[in-house]
N, C-alpha and C. Protein backbone atom coordinates (compact mmCIF):
# COMPACT_ATOMS: atom_id res chain seq x y z
N MET A 1 -15.13 10.98 -3.09
CA MET A 1 -14.19 10.85 -2.01
C MET A 1 -14.75 11.70 -0.82
N PHE A 2 -14.54 11.14 0.42
CA PHE A 2 -15.03 11.79 1.61
C PHE A 2 -13.86 12.33 2.39
N ARG A 3 -14.05 13.38 3.02
CA ARG A 3 -13.01 13.99 3.93
C ARG A 3 -13.40 13.57 5.36
N THR A 4 -12.27 13.18 6.08
CA THR A 4 -12.48 12.76 7.53
C THR A 4 -11.40 13.32 8.30
N ASN A 5 -11.43 13.54 9.56
CA ASN A 5 -10.44 13.89 10.50
C ASN A 5 -10.08 12.74 11.40
N ILE A 6 -8.84 12.58 11.70
CA ILE A 6 -8.38 11.60 12.67
C ILE A 6 -7.34 12.20 13.55
N TYR A 7 -7.23 11.69 14.72
CA TYR A 7 -6.19 12.08 15.68
C TYR A 7 -5.08 11.12 15.67
N LEU A 8 -3.86 11.60 15.56
CA LEU A 8 -2.66 10.74 15.50
C LEU A 8 -1.78 11.21 16.68
N SER A 9 -1.05 10.20 17.20
CA SER A 9 0.03 10.57 18.23
C SER A 9 1.13 11.24 17.50
N ASP A 10 2.00 11.86 18.22
CA ASP A 10 3.17 12.49 17.61
C ASP A 10 4.12 11.53 16.90
N GLN A 11 4.20 10.22 17.50
CA GLN A 11 5.01 9.17 16.87
C GLN A 11 4.31 8.79 15.53
N GLN A 12 3.02 8.59 15.55
CA GLN A 12 2.37 8.18 14.32
C GLN A 12 2.45 9.21 13.24
N CYS A 13 2.30 10.48 13.56
CA CYS A 13 2.40 11.49 12.60
C CYS A 13 3.81 11.60 12.08
N SER A 14 4.75 11.49 12.94
CA SER A 14 6.11 11.51 12.47
C SER A 14 6.50 10.31 11.50
N ALA A 15 6.06 9.17 11.86
CA ALA A 15 6.28 7.94 11.11
C ALA A 15 5.62 7.99 9.76
N LEU A 16 4.36 8.56 9.81
CA LEU A 16 3.56 8.71 8.56
C LEU A 16 4.26 9.65 7.59
N SER A 17 4.73 10.84 8.17
CA SER A 17 5.43 11.81 7.32
C SER A 17 6.72 11.22 6.74
N THR A 18 7.50 10.54 7.53
CA THR A 18 8.71 9.90 7.06
C THR A 18 8.51 8.98 5.92
N ARG A 19 7.49 8.01 6.16
CA ARG A 19 7.22 7.05 5.13
C ARG A 19 6.63 7.70 3.85
N ALA A 20 5.78 8.77 3.97
CA ALA A 20 5.26 9.43 2.80
C ALA A 20 6.29 10.09 2.01
N ARG A 21 7.26 10.72 2.68
CA ARG A 21 8.44 11.35 1.97
C ARG A 21 9.25 10.22 1.26
N ALA A 22 9.44 9.09 1.95
CA ALA A 22 10.22 8.03 1.29
C ALA A 22 9.55 7.44 0.14
N GLU A 23 8.23 7.46 0.13
CA GLU A 23 7.44 6.91 -1.00
C GLU A 23 7.00 7.98 -2.04
N ASN A 24 7.52 9.23 -1.76
CA ASN A 24 7.20 10.44 -2.64
C ASN A 24 5.66 10.49 -2.84
N THR A 25 4.98 10.53 -1.80
CA THR A 25 3.51 10.63 -1.92
C THR A 25 3.03 11.52 -0.60
N SER A 26 1.72 11.82 -0.71
CA SER A 26 1.15 12.63 0.42
C SER A 26 0.86 11.64 1.61
N ARG A 27 0.72 12.28 2.75
CA ARG A 27 0.25 11.48 3.92
C ARG A 27 -1.16 10.96 3.69
N ALA A 28 -2.05 11.73 3.07
CA ALA A 28 -3.36 11.32 2.81
C ALA A 28 -3.40 10.08 1.91
N GLU A 29 -2.62 10.12 0.84
CA GLU A 29 -2.55 8.96 -0.12
C GLU A 29 -1.96 7.66 0.56
N LEU A 30 -0.97 7.88 1.50
CA LEU A 30 -0.38 6.80 2.20
C LEU A 30 -1.46 6.17 3.13
N ILE A 31 -2.21 7.08 3.80
CA ILE A 31 -3.26 6.54 4.70
C ILE A 31 -4.26 5.76 3.95
N ARG A 32 -4.64 6.23 2.76
CA ARG A 32 -5.59 5.51 1.92
C ARG A 32 -5.04 4.12 1.54
N ARG A 33 -3.80 4.12 1.22
CA ARG A 33 -3.13 2.76 0.79
C ARG A 33 -3.09 1.81 1.97
N LEU A 34 -2.73 2.33 3.19
CA LEU A 34 -2.70 1.54 4.39
C LEU A 34 -4.10 0.99 4.68
N LEU A 35 -5.08 1.82 4.52
CA LEU A 35 -6.44 1.43 4.83
C LEU A 35 -6.90 0.34 3.84
N ASP A 36 -6.57 0.51 2.62
CA ASP A 36 -6.92 -0.50 1.60
C ASP A 36 -6.30 -1.85 1.89
N ARG A 37 -5.04 -1.78 2.35
CA ARG A 37 -4.39 -3.11 2.75
C ARG A 37 -5.03 -3.72 3.92
N ALA A 38 -5.49 -2.89 4.91
CA ALA A 38 -6.04 -3.42 6.11
C ALA A 38 -7.47 -3.83 5.87
N LEU A 39 -8.31 -3.10 5.18
CA LEU A 39 -9.71 -3.35 5.04
C LEU A 39 -10.04 -4.25 3.85
N ILE A 40 -9.30 -4.06 2.69
CA ILE A 40 -9.58 -4.87 1.52
C ILE A 40 -8.84 -6.08 1.37
N GLY A 41 -7.72 -6.13 2.10
CA GLY A 41 -6.86 -7.23 2.10
C GLY A 41 -5.82 -7.32 0.99
N ASN A 42 -5.33 -6.09 0.64
CA ASN A 42 -4.34 -6.00 -0.34
C ASN A 42 -3.14 -6.78 0.18
N ARG A 43 -2.66 -7.81 -0.60
CA ARG A 43 -1.65 -8.66 -0.12
C ARG A 43 -0.24 -8.39 -0.80
N ASP A 44 -0.09 -7.10 -1.06
CA ASP A 44 1.18 -6.67 -1.68
C ASP A 44 2.20 -6.25 -0.54
N ASP A 45 2.33 -7.09 0.44
CA ASP A 45 3.27 -6.70 1.45
C ASP A 45 4.16 -7.89 1.81
N VAL A 46 5.19 -7.63 2.61
CA VAL A 46 6.18 -8.62 2.83
C VAL A 46 5.63 -9.81 3.61
N THR A 47 4.68 -9.56 4.54
CA THR A 47 4.08 -10.72 5.24
C THR A 47 3.41 -11.69 4.35
N ALA A 48 2.68 -11.13 3.38
CA ALA A 48 2.02 -12.05 2.36
C ALA A 48 3.04 -12.74 1.52
N ASP A 49 4.08 -12.13 1.18
CA ASP A 49 5.10 -12.76 0.38
C ASP A 49 5.77 -13.95 1.21
N LEU A 50 6.08 -13.68 2.43
CA LEU A 50 6.62 -14.64 3.32
C LEU A 50 5.70 -15.84 3.55
N ALA A 51 4.39 -15.57 3.67
CA ALA A 51 3.47 -16.61 3.83
C ALA A 51 3.38 -17.46 2.59
N ALA A 52 3.40 -16.87 1.39
CA ALA A 52 3.36 -17.60 0.14
C ALA A 52 4.61 -18.61 0.06
N ILE A 53 5.76 -18.00 0.42
CA ILE A 53 7.02 -18.80 0.40
C ILE A 53 6.87 -20.00 1.40
N GLU A 54 6.38 -19.72 2.60
CA GLU A 54 6.22 -20.76 3.65
C GLU A 54 5.23 -21.82 3.13
N GLU A 55 4.16 -21.42 2.50
CA GLU A 55 3.12 -22.36 2.03
C GLU A 55 3.70 -23.21 0.86
N SER A 56 4.53 -22.75 0.12
CA SER A 56 5.12 -23.43 -1.05
C SER A 56 6.27 -24.33 -0.69
N PHE A 57 6.83 -24.19 0.51
CA PHE A 57 7.96 -24.94 0.98
C PHE A 57 7.67 -26.43 0.94
N GLY A 58 8.51 -27.19 0.27
CA GLY A 58 8.36 -28.63 0.20
C GLY A 58 7.44 -29.21 -0.85
N VAL A 59 6.86 -28.33 -1.65
CA VAL A 59 5.90 -28.70 -2.65
C VAL A 59 6.49 -29.69 -3.63
N LEU A 60 7.80 -29.52 -3.98
CA LEU A 60 8.44 -30.35 -4.96
C LEU A 60 9.36 -31.33 -4.28
N HIS A 61 9.12 -31.69 -3.09
CA HIS A 61 10.07 -32.65 -2.33
C HIS A 61 10.15 -33.98 -3.02
N ASN A 62 9.17 -34.44 -3.76
CA ASN A 62 9.22 -35.76 -4.45
C ASN A 62 9.67 -35.63 -5.88
N GLU A 63 9.95 -34.41 -6.34
CA GLU A 63 10.40 -34.21 -7.78
C GLU A 63 11.84 -34.43 -7.82
N PRO A 64 12.32 -35.02 -8.94
CA PRO A 64 13.80 -35.14 -9.08
C PRO A 64 14.41 -33.81 -9.44
N ILE A 65 15.61 -33.60 -8.92
CA ILE A 65 16.30 -32.44 -9.20
C ILE A 65 17.21 -32.61 -10.40
N VAL A 66 17.06 -31.81 -11.39
CA VAL A 66 17.82 -31.99 -12.57
C VAL A 66 18.60 -30.66 -12.79
N ILE A 67 19.91 -30.85 -12.69
CA ILE A 67 20.83 -29.76 -12.96
C ILE A 67 21.54 -29.93 -14.26
N ASP A 68 21.22 -29.10 -15.29
CA ASP A 68 21.86 -29.32 -16.54
C ASP A 68 22.55 -28.03 -16.91
N ARG A 69 23.69 -27.90 -16.42
CA ARG A 69 24.41 -26.73 -16.56
C ARG A 69 25.54 -26.87 -17.71
N GLN A 70 25.31 -26.16 -18.71
CA GLN A 70 26.27 -26.15 -19.86
C GLN A 70 26.64 -24.70 -20.07
N ASP A 71 27.85 -24.46 -20.11
CA ASP A 71 28.24 -23.04 -20.27
C ASP A 71 28.23 -22.56 -21.78
N GLY A 72 28.02 -23.46 -22.66
CA GLY A 72 27.95 -23.07 -24.10
C GLY A 72 27.91 -21.68 -24.42
N GLU A 73 26.72 -21.13 -24.63
CA GLU A 73 26.50 -19.72 -25.02
C GLU A 73 26.87 -18.76 -23.90
N ARG A 74 26.62 -19.16 -22.68
CA ARG A 74 27.02 -18.25 -21.52
C ARG A 74 28.55 -18.12 -21.43
N GLY A 75 29.23 -19.23 -21.57
CA GLY A 75 30.68 -19.20 -21.57
C GLY A 75 31.25 -18.32 -22.72
N ALA A 76 30.78 -18.54 -23.91
CA ALA A 76 31.17 -17.66 -25.05
C ALA A 76 30.88 -16.19 -24.73
N HIS A 77 29.75 -15.90 -24.23
CA HIS A 77 29.35 -14.56 -23.98
C HIS A 77 30.28 -13.93 -23.01
N LEU A 78 30.66 -14.72 -21.91
CA LEU A 78 31.58 -14.21 -20.90
C LEU A 78 33.02 -13.89 -21.44
N LYS A 79 33.38 -14.74 -22.35
CA LYS A 79 34.72 -14.56 -22.98
C LYS A 79 34.68 -13.29 -23.82
N ARG A 80 33.60 -13.05 -24.51
CA ARG A 80 33.50 -11.81 -25.35
C ARG A 80 33.46 -10.62 -24.50
N ILE A 81 32.78 -10.70 -23.32
CA ILE A 81 32.82 -9.52 -22.46
C ILE A 81 34.11 -9.32 -21.83
N ALA A 82 34.78 -10.38 -21.43
CA ALA A 82 36.12 -10.27 -20.85
C ALA A 82 37.15 -9.66 -21.81
N ALA A 83 36.97 -9.86 -23.16
CA ALA A 83 37.87 -9.39 -24.15
C ALA A 83 37.65 -7.83 -24.31
N LEU A 84 36.60 -7.29 -23.93
CA LEU A 84 36.37 -5.90 -24.15
C LEU A 84 37.23 -4.97 -23.35
């Protein structure tokens, strides 16, 4: 691992500290994670999730929708829970 120095604005430093505390990690670790996402393309973020949802929209538009709802076991379970 290499050590490097960077200059951050007051706002960047504050936001970095806030997020590091929220994620219960160090600022250095958070910077490494953010760099991995930016440079390596880690797609574990909301933008990637939304893109995947958008890409999948309409994929099953020609498939029949089958709704087979039977309360059988579920109904019996709910009655048991309600009786407690």
